[in-house]
């Protein structure tokens, strides 16, 4: 039978792992976005791009830049605001206050706060992926317009 202590420990570890997974996905997506933007800029300066393709490409780049901004806010540290818990709270306490805080055990609150952070991160990541897909689609259309010579 699982004790409350074991259940809280498992839940705490699970939420922290979800946050770490999200941050890893964000890092990979940021690298991908950077490579795509670099490639688009390099290609766009090397070939003649018709006006219709330029406009479509600019919209695609705007969507990718919006995704980058959203990804950056996803990995921006959350220090707990007005009611921090965990390490942001401990940074404000004395050694004795930290010991007292740990004796009381605020893991349930910590799990709740971390879970909210994880849900927010996943929502932002999902929106960033949607923007990336939109930007990629627009860039593919711009490439097709350029290849077809449409003005």
N, C-alpha and C. Protein backbone atom coordinates (compact mmCIF):
# COMPACT_ATOMS: atom_id res chain seq x y z
N UNK A 1 0.84 -1.18 0.00
CA UNK A 1 0.00 0.00 0.00
C UNK A 1 0.89 1.25 0.00
N UNK A 2 0.55 2.18 -0.83
CA UNK A 2 1.32 3.40 -0.97
C UNK A 2 0.93 4.40 0.12
N UNK A 3 1.94 4.96 0.77
CA UNK A 3 1.67 5.98 1.78
C UNK A 3 1.48 7.33 1.11
N UNK A 4 0.94 8.27 1.86
CA UNK A 4 0.77 9.62 1.35
C UNK A 4 2.13 10.22 0.99
N UNK A 5 3.12 9.99 1.82
CA UNK A 5 4.48 10.49 1.56
C UNK A 5 5.00 9.97 0.22
N UNK A 6 4.82 8.67 -0.03
CA UNK A 6 5.28 8.07 -1.29
C UNK A 6 4.50 8.62 -2.49
N UNK A 7 3.20 8.79 -2.31
CA UNK A 7 2.36 9.31 -3.39
C UNK A 7 2.75 10.75 -3.73
N UNK A 8 2.97 11.56 -2.69
CA UNK A 8 3.39 12.95 -2.93
C UNK A 8 4.75 12.99 -3.61
N UNK A 9 5.66 12.14 -3.18
CA UNK A 9 6.99 12.10 -3.79
C UNK A 9 6.89 11.71 -5.26
N UNK A 10 6.08 10.71 -5.57
CA UNK A 10 5.91 10.26 -6.96
C UNK A 10 5.27 11.35 -7.81
N UNK A 11 4.24 12.00 -7.28
CA UNK A 11 3.57 13.07 -8.02
C UNK A 11 4.51 14.24 -8.26
N UNK A 12 5.29 14.59 -7.26
CA UNK A 12 6.25 15.69 -7.38
C UNK A 12 7.27 15.37 -8.46
N UNK A 13 7.81 14.17 -8.45
CA UNK A 13 8.80 13.76 -9.45
C UNK A 13 8.19 13.74 -10.85
N UNK A 14 6.93 13.29 -10.95
CA UNK A 14 6.26 13.23 -12.25
C UNK A 14 6.07 14.62 -12.84
N UNK A 15 5.63 15.56 -12.03
CA UNK A 15 5.40 16.92 -12.53
C UNK A 15 6.72 17.57 -12.95
N UNK A 16 7.76 17.37 -12.15
CA UNK A 16 9.06 17.92 -12.50
C UNK A 16 9.58 17.31 -13.81
N UNK A 17 9.33 16.03 -14.02
CA UNK A 17 9.74 15.38 -15.26
C UNK A 17 8.97 15.94 -16.46
N UNK A 18 7.68 16.23 -16.28
CA UNK A 18 6.88 16.82 -17.37
C UNK A 18 7.44 18.19 -17.75
N UNK A 19 7.81 18.98 -16.77
CA UNK A 19 8.38 20.29 -17.05
C UNK A 19 9.70 20.14 -17.80
N UNK A 20 10.52 19.19 -17.39
CA UNK A 20 11.79 18.95 -18.08
C UNK A 20 11.56 18.50 -19.52
N UNK A 21 10.57 17.63 -19.74
CA UNK A 21 10.26 17.19 -21.11
C UNK A 21 9.81 18.36 -21.97
N UNK A 22 8.99 19.22 -21.40
CA UNK A 22 8.53 20.38 -22.15
C UNK A 22 9.71 21.27 -22.52
N UNK A 23 10.59 21.53 -21.58
CA UNK A 23 11.75 22.38 -21.86
C UNK A 23 12.65 21.77 -22.93
N UNK A 24 12.79 20.46 -22.93
CA UNK A 24 13.58 19.79 -23.97
C UNK A 24 12.92 19.96 -25.34
N UNK A 25 11.61 19.78 -25.40
CA UNK A 25 10.89 19.96 -26.66
C UNK A 25 11.02 21.40 -27.16
N UNK A 26 10.92 22.35 -26.24
CA UNK A 26 11.05 23.75 -26.62
C UNK A 26 12.44 24.03 -27.19
N UNK A 27 13.47 23.49 -26.55
CA UNK A 27 14.84 23.70 -27.04
C UNK A 27 15.01 23.14 -28.44
N UNK A 28 14.49 21.96 -28.68
CA UNK A 28 14.58 21.37 -30.01
C UNK A 28 13.81 22.19 -31.05
N UNK A 29 12.64 22.64 -30.68
CA UNK A 29 11.83 23.44 -31.59
C UNK A 29 12.47 24.79 -31.87
N UNK A 30 13.09 25.41 -30.86
CA UNK A 30 13.80 26.67 -31.09
C UNK A 30 14.95 26.49 -32.07
N UNK A 31 15.69 25.39 -31.93
CA UNK A 31 16.79 25.12 -32.87
C UNK A 31 16.24 24.92 -34.28
N UNK A 32 15.14 24.20 -34.40
CA UNK A 32 14.51 23.99 -35.70
C UNK A 32 14.05 25.31 -36.31
N UNK A 33 13.38 26.13 -35.50
CA UNK A 33 12.89 27.43 -35.99
C UNK A 33 14.07 28.28 -36.49
N UNK A 34 15.15 28.30 -35.72
CA UNK A 34 16.32 29.07 -36.12
C UNK A 34 16.89 28.60 -37.43
N UNK A 35 16.99 27.29 -37.60
CA UNK A 35 17.52 26.73 -38.85
C UNK A 35 16.62 27.08 -40.04
N UNK A 36 15.31 26.96 -39.84
CA UNK A 36 14.38 27.28 -40.92
C UNK A 36 14.47 28.77 -41.28
N UNK A 37 14.47 29.63 -40.28
CA UNK A 37 14.56 31.07 -40.56
C UNK A 37 15.87 31.42 -41.27
N UNK A 38 16.97 30.81 -40.83
CA UNK A 38 18.26 31.06 -41.48
C UNK A 38 18.21 30.60 -42.94
N UNK A 39 17.66 29.42 -43.17
CA UNK A 39 17.56 28.90 -44.53
C UNK A 39 16.68 29.75 -45.42
N UNK A 40 15.57 30.22 -44.89
CA UNK A 40 14.65 31.06 -45.67
C UNK A 40 15.31 32.38 -46.05
N UNK A 41 15.97 33.00 -45.09
CA UNK A 41 16.63 34.28 -45.37
C UNK A 41 17.75 34.07 -46.39
N UNK A 42 18.52 33.02 -46.24
CA UNK A 42 19.61 32.73 -47.17
C UNK A 42 19.07 32.49 -48.58
N UNK A 43 18.03 31.69 -48.68
CA UNK A 43 17.45 31.38 -49.98
C UNK A 43 16.79 32.60 -50.60
N UNK A 44 16.07 33.36 -49.79
CA UNK A 44 15.35 34.52 -50.31
C UNK A 44 16.28 35.59 -50.87
N UNK A 45 17.49 35.68 -50.34
CA UNK A 45 18.45 36.67 -50.86
C UNK A 45 19.20 36.15 -52.08
N UNK A 46 19.08 34.84 -52.37
CA UNK A 46 19.82 34.25 -53.49
C UNK A 46 18.99 34.13 -54.77
N UNK A 47 17.69 34.18 -54.65
CA UNK A 47 16.82 34.03 -55.83
C UNK A 47 15.86 35.21 -55.94
N UNK A 48 15.35 35.39 -57.16
CA UNK A 48 14.35 36.44 -57.35
C UNK A 48 13.00 35.89 -56.89
N UNK A 49 12.40 36.60 -55.95
CA UNK A 49 11.14 36.16 -55.36
C UNK A 49 10.03 37.09 -55.85
N UNK A 50 9.04 36.55 -56.55
CA UNK A 50 7.93 37.39 -57.02
C UNK A 50 7.17 38.03 -55.86
N UNK A 51 6.49 39.14 -56.10
CA UNK A 51 5.78 39.85 -55.02
C UNK A 51 4.79 38.97 -54.25
N UNK A 52 4.01 38.15 -54.95
CA UNK A 52 3.03 37.30 -54.25
C UNK A 52 3.74 36.31 -53.32
N UNK A 53 4.84 35.77 -53.79
CA UNK A 53 5.61 34.83 -52.97
C UNK A 53 6.29 35.57 -51.82
N UNK A 54 6.73 36.80 -52.08
CA UNK A 54 7.37 37.59 -51.03
C UNK A 54 6.38 37.86 -49.89
N UNK A 55 5.15 38.22 -50.25
CA UNK A 55 4.13 38.49 -49.24
C UNK A 55 3.79 37.21 -48.46
N UNK A 56 3.59 36.11 -49.18
CA UNK A 56 3.28 34.84 -48.52
C UNK A 56 4.44 34.41 -47.63
N UNK A 57 5.65 34.56 -48.12
CA UNK A 57 6.84 34.22 -47.33
C UNK A 57 6.97 35.09 -46.10
N UNK A 58 6.67 36.38 -46.25
CA UNK A 58 6.74 37.28 -45.09
C UNK A 58 5.73 36.87 -44.02
N UNK A 59 4.55 36.45 -44.44
CA UNK A 59 3.56 35.96 -43.47
C UNK A 59 4.05 34.69 -42.79
N UNK A 60 4.70 33.82 -43.55
CA UNK A 60 5.26 32.60 -42.98
C UNK A 60 6.36 32.91 -41.98
N UNK A 61 7.22 33.86 -42.32
CA UNK A 61 8.28 34.26 -41.39
C UNK A 61 7.68 34.89 -40.13
N UNK A 62 6.64 35.69 -40.31
CA UNK A 62 5.98 36.30 -39.15
C UNK A 62 5.40 35.23 -38.23
N UNK A 63 4.81 34.18 -38.81
CA UNK A 63 4.26 33.10 -37.99
C UNK A 63 5.39 32.37 -37.24
N UNK A 64 6.52 32.15 -37.93
CA UNK A 64 7.65 31.49 -37.27
C UNK A 64 8.23 32.36 -36.16
N UNK A 65 8.31 33.66 -36.39
CA UNK A 65 8.82 34.56 -35.35
C UNK A 65 7.87 34.61 -34.15
N UNK A 66 6.58 34.57 -34.43
CA UNK A 66 5.61 34.52 -33.33
C UNK A 66 5.79 33.23 -32.53
N UNK A 67 6.05 32.12 -33.23
CA UNK A 67 6.30 30.85 -32.55
C UNK A 67 7.55 30.93 -31.69
N UNK A 68 8.60 31.56 -32.21
CA UNK A 68 9.83 31.73 -31.44
C UNK A 68 9.55 32.54 -30.17
N UNK A 69 8.81 33.63 -30.31
CA UNK A 69 8.46 34.43 -29.14
C UNK A 69 7.68 33.63 -28.11
N UNK A 70 6.75 32.83 -28.58
CA UNK A 70 5.96 31.99 -27.68
C UNK A 70 6.84 30.93 -27.00
N UNK A 71 7.76 30.37 -27.76
CA UNK A 71 8.67 29.38 -27.18
C UNK A 71 9.57 30.01 -26.12
N UNK A 72 10.02 31.21 -26.37
CA UNK A 72 10.86 31.88 -25.38
C UNK A 72 10.09 32.17 -24.10
N UNK A 73 8.82 32.53 -24.21
CA UNK A 73 8.03 32.74 -22.99
C UNK A 73 7.76 31.42 -22.27
N UNK A 74 7.78 30.32 -23.03
CA UNK A 74 7.57 29.01 -22.43
C UNK A 74 8.72 28.60 -21.52
N UNK A 75 9.94 28.95 -21.90
CA UNK A 75 11.09 28.56 -21.08
C UNK A 75 11.54 29.68 -20.14
N UNK A 76 10.85 30.81 -20.18
CA UNK A 76 11.17 31.90 -19.26
C UNK A 76 10.88 31.43 -17.84
N UNK A 77 11.84 31.60 -16.94
CA UNK A 77 11.64 31.09 -15.58
C UNK A 77 10.44 31.72 -14.89
N UNK A 78 9.71 30.88 -14.17
CA UNK A 78 8.57 31.33 -13.36
C UNK A 78 9.02 31.25 -11.91
N UNK A 79 9.15 32.39 -11.27
CA UNK A 79 9.67 32.43 -9.90
C UNK A 79 8.58 32.44 -8.85
N UNK A 80 7.36 32.13 -9.23
CA UNK A 80 6.30 31.95 -8.26
C UNK A 80 5.46 33.18 -7.96
N UNK A 81 5.82 34.32 -8.49
CA UNK A 81 5.01 35.52 -8.26
C UNK A 81 4.96 35.94 -6.81
N UNK A 82 3.79 36.38 -6.37
CA UNK A 82 3.62 36.91 -5.02
C UNK A 82 3.65 35.81 -3.96
N UNK A 83 3.31 34.59 -4.32
CA UNK A 83 3.28 33.50 -3.34
C UNK A 83 4.15 32.34 -3.83
N UNK A 84 5.47 32.51 -3.78
CA UNK A 84 6.35 31.45 -4.27
C UNK A 84 6.34 30.24 -3.37
N UNK A 85 6.73 29.11 -3.95
CA UNK A 85 6.95 27.90 -3.16
C UNK A 85 8.19 27.23 -3.73
N UNK A 86 8.72 26.28 -2.98
CA UNK A 86 9.93 25.61 -3.43
C UNK A 86 11.14 26.53 -3.36
N UNK A 87 12.06 26.36 -4.29
CA UNK A 87 13.32 27.11 -4.20
C UNK A 87 13.17 28.63 -4.26
N UNK A 88 12.20 29.20 -5.00
CA UNK A 88 12.08 30.67 -4.92
C UNK A 88 11.72 31.14 -3.50
N UNK A 89 10.90 30.36 -2.81
CA UNK A 89 10.54 30.69 -1.43
C UNK A 89 11.74 30.48 -0.52
N UNK A 90 12.44 29.36 -0.69
CA UNK A 90 13.57 29.04 0.17
C UNK A 90 14.68 30.09 0.06
N UNK A 91 14.80 30.72 -1.11
CA UNK A 91 15.84 31.74 -1.30
C UNK A 91 15.62 32.95 -0.39
N UNK A 92 14.39 33.11 0.10
CA UNK A 92 14.08 34.26 0.96
C UNK A 92 14.12 33.93 2.45
N UNK A 93 14.35 32.66 2.79
CA UNK A 93 14.28 32.21 4.18
C UNK A 93 15.67 32.04 4.79
N UNK A 94 15.70 32.04 6.10
CA UNK A 94 16.93 31.71 6.82
C UNK A 94 17.06 30.19 6.87
N UNK A 95 18.20 29.71 7.32
CA UNK A 95 18.42 28.27 7.43
C UNK A 95 17.36 27.62 8.33
N UNK A 96 17.10 28.24 9.48
CA UNK A 96 16.10 27.68 10.40
C UNK A 96 14.70 27.70 9.79
N UNK A 97 14.37 28.77 9.08
CA UNK A 97 13.05 28.84 8.44
C UNK A 97 12.90 27.77 7.36
N UNK A 98 13.98 27.48 6.65
CA UNK A 98 13.94 26.42 5.64
C UNK A 98 13.68 25.07 6.31
N UNK A 99 14.38 24.81 7.39
CA UNK A 99 14.16 23.55 8.13
C UNK A 99 12.70 23.44 8.60
N UNK A 100 12.18 24.54 9.16
CA UNK A 100 10.79 24.53 9.62
C UNK A 100 9.83 24.30 8.45
N UNK A 101 10.11 24.96 7.33
CA UNK A 101 9.26 24.82 6.15
C UNK A 101 9.27 23.38 5.65
N UNK A 102 10.44 22.77 5.66
CA UNK A 102 10.54 21.38 5.20
C UNK A 102 9.88 20.41 6.17
N UNK A 103 9.89 20.73 7.46
CA UNK A 103 9.21 19.88 8.44
C UNK A 103 7.70 19.90 8.23
N UNK A 104 7.18 21.09 7.91
CA UNK A 104 5.74 21.23 7.67
C UNK A 104 5.36 20.45 6.42
N UNK A 105 6.20 20.55 5.40
CA UNK A 105 5.96 19.81 4.16
C UNK A 105 4.90 20.46 3.29
N UNK A 106 5.35 21.23 2.35
CA UNK A 106 4.42 21.91 1.44
C UNK A 106 4.44 21.26 0.05
N UNK A 107 4.72 19.96 0.01
CA UNK A 107 4.81 19.29 -1.29
C UNK A 107 3.50 19.33 -2.06
N UNK A 108 2.39 19.24 -1.39
CA UNK A 108 1.10 19.30 -2.09
C UNK A 108 0.95 20.65 -2.80
N UNK A 109 1.30 21.73 -2.11
CA UNK A 109 1.25 23.06 -2.74
C UNK A 109 2.26 23.12 -3.89
N UNK A 110 3.45 22.59 -3.66
CA UNK A 110 4.48 22.60 -4.68
C UNK A 110 4.02 21.82 -5.92
N UNK A 111 3.39 20.68 -5.73
CA UNK A 111 2.86 19.89 -6.84
C UNK A 111 1.81 20.68 -7.59
N UNK A 112 0.91 21.35 -6.86
CA UNK A 112 -0.13 22.15 -7.51
C UNK A 112 0.48 23.26 -8.36
N UNK A 113 1.44 23.99 -7.78
CA UNK A 113 2.07 25.10 -8.51
C UNK A 113 2.83 24.58 -9.72
N UNK A 114 3.61 23.53 -9.53
CA UNK A 114 4.37 22.97 -10.65
C UNK A 114 3.44 22.41 -11.73
N UNK A 115 2.32 21.83 -11.32
CA UNK A 115 1.36 21.31 -12.30
C UNK A 115 0.78 22.44 -13.14
N UNK A 116 0.49 23.55 -12.53
CA UNK A 116 -0.02 24.71 -13.28
C UNK A 116 1.04 25.23 -14.24
N UNK A 117 2.29 25.25 -13.79
CA UNK A 117 3.39 25.67 -14.67
C UNK A 117 3.49 24.71 -15.86
N UNK A 118 3.42 23.41 -15.59
CA UNK A 118 3.52 22.41 -16.67
C UNK A 118 2.38 22.55 -17.67
N UNK A 119 1.17 22.73 -17.18
CA UNK A 119 0.01 22.89 -18.08
C UNK A 119 0.17 24.15 -18.93
N UNK A 120 0.62 25.23 -18.34
CA UNK A 120 0.85 26.47 -19.09
C UNK A 120 1.91 26.26 -20.16
N UNK A 121 3.00 25.59 -19.78
CA UNK A 121 4.09 25.33 -20.74
C UNK A 121 3.58 24.48 -21.92
N UNK A 122 2.82 23.42 -21.62
CA UNK A 122 2.31 22.57 -22.69
C UNK A 122 1.34 23.34 -23.60
N UNK A 123 0.53 24.21 -23.04
CA UNK A 123 -0.38 25.02 -23.86
C UNK A 123 0.39 25.95 -24.79
N UNK A 124 1.42 26.59 -24.27
CA UNK A 124 2.23 27.47 -25.11
C UNK A 124 2.97 26.68 -26.17
N UNK A 125 3.50 25.53 -25.79
CA UNK A 125 4.20 24.69 -26.76
C UNK A 125 3.25 24.26 -27.88
N UNK A 126 2.05 23.90 -27.52
CA UNK A 126 1.06 23.50 -28.53
C UNK A 126 0.76 24.66 -29.50
N UNK A 127 0.57 25.86 -28.96
CA UNK A 127 0.32 27.02 -29.82
C UNK A 127 1.53 27.33 -30.70
N UNK A 128 2.72 27.18 -30.16
CA UNK A 128 3.94 27.42 -30.94
C UNK A 128 4.06 26.41 -32.08
N UNK A 129 3.70 25.16 -31.82
CA UNK A 129 3.73 24.15 -32.88
C UNK A 129 2.71 24.49 -33.95
N UNK A 130 1.52 24.94 -33.55
CA UNK A 130 0.51 25.35 -34.52
C UNK A 130 1.03 26.50 -35.40
N UNK A 131 1.68 27.48 -34.77
CA UNK A 131 2.25 28.59 -35.53
C UNK A 131 3.37 28.12 -36.46
N UNK A 132 4.16 27.17 -36.00
CA UNK A 132 5.23 26.62 -36.83
C UNK A 132 4.66 25.91 -38.05
N UNK A 133 3.61 25.15 -37.84
CA UNK A 133 2.96 24.47 -38.97
C UNK A 133 2.39 25.49 -39.96
N UNK A 134 1.74 26.52 -39.45
CA UNK A 134 1.20 27.57 -40.31
C UNK A 134 2.33 28.26 -41.08
N UNK A 135 3.39 28.63 -40.37
CA UNK A 135 4.52 29.29 -41.02
C UNK A 135 5.15 28.40 -42.07
N UNK A 136 5.31 27.13 -41.77
CA UNK A 136 5.88 26.20 -42.74
C UNK A 136 5.01 26.06 -43.97
N UNK A 137 3.70 25.97 -43.77
CA UNK A 137 2.78 25.89 -44.90
C UNK A 137 2.89 27.13 -45.78
N UNK A 138 2.91 28.30 -45.15
CA UNK A 138 3.03 29.54 -45.92
C UNK A 138 4.36 29.60 -46.69
N UNK A 139 5.42 29.11 -46.09
CA UNK A 139 6.72 29.10 -46.78
C UNK A 139 6.73 28.12 -47.94
N UNK A 140 6.06 26.99 -47.78
CA UNK A 140 5.95 26.04 -48.88
C UNK A 140 5.16 26.67 -50.04
N UNK A 141 4.08 27.37 -49.71
CA UNK A 141 3.30 28.06 -50.76
C UNK A 141 4.17 29.13 -51.43
N UNK A 142 4.93 29.88 -50.64
CA UNK A 142 5.81 30.89 -51.22
C UNK A 142 6.85 30.26 -52.12
N UNK A 143 7.40 29.12 -51.73
CA UNK A 143 8.37 28.43 -52.57
C UNK A 143 7.73 27.96 -53.86
N UNK A 144 6.49 27.45 -53.78
CA UNK A 144 5.80 27.01 -54.98
C UNK A 144 5.52 28.19 -55.90
N UNK A 145 5.12 29.31 -55.33
CA UNK A 145 4.88 30.51 -56.14
C UNK A 145 6.17 30.98 -56.81
N UNK A 146 7.25 30.90 -56.08
CA UNK A 146 8.54 31.32 -56.63
C UNK A 146 8.97 30.36 -57.75
N UNK A 147 8.84 29.08 -57.52
CA UNK A 147 9.21 28.10 -58.53
C UNK A 147 8.34 28.22 -59.78
N UNK A 148 7.07 28.56 -59.57
CA UNK A 148 6.15 28.71 -60.70
C UNK A 148 6.26 30.07 -61.37
N UNK A 149 7.02 30.97 -60.77
CA UNK A 149 7.21 32.29 -61.37
C UNK A 149 5.99 33.18 -61.29
N UNK A 150 5.07 32.90 -60.37
CA UNK A 150 3.86 33.71 -60.23
C UNK A 150 4.24 35.07 -59.67
N UNK A 151 3.71 36.12 -60.25
CA UNK A 151 3.99 37.46 -59.72
C UNK A 151 2.73 38.00 -59.18
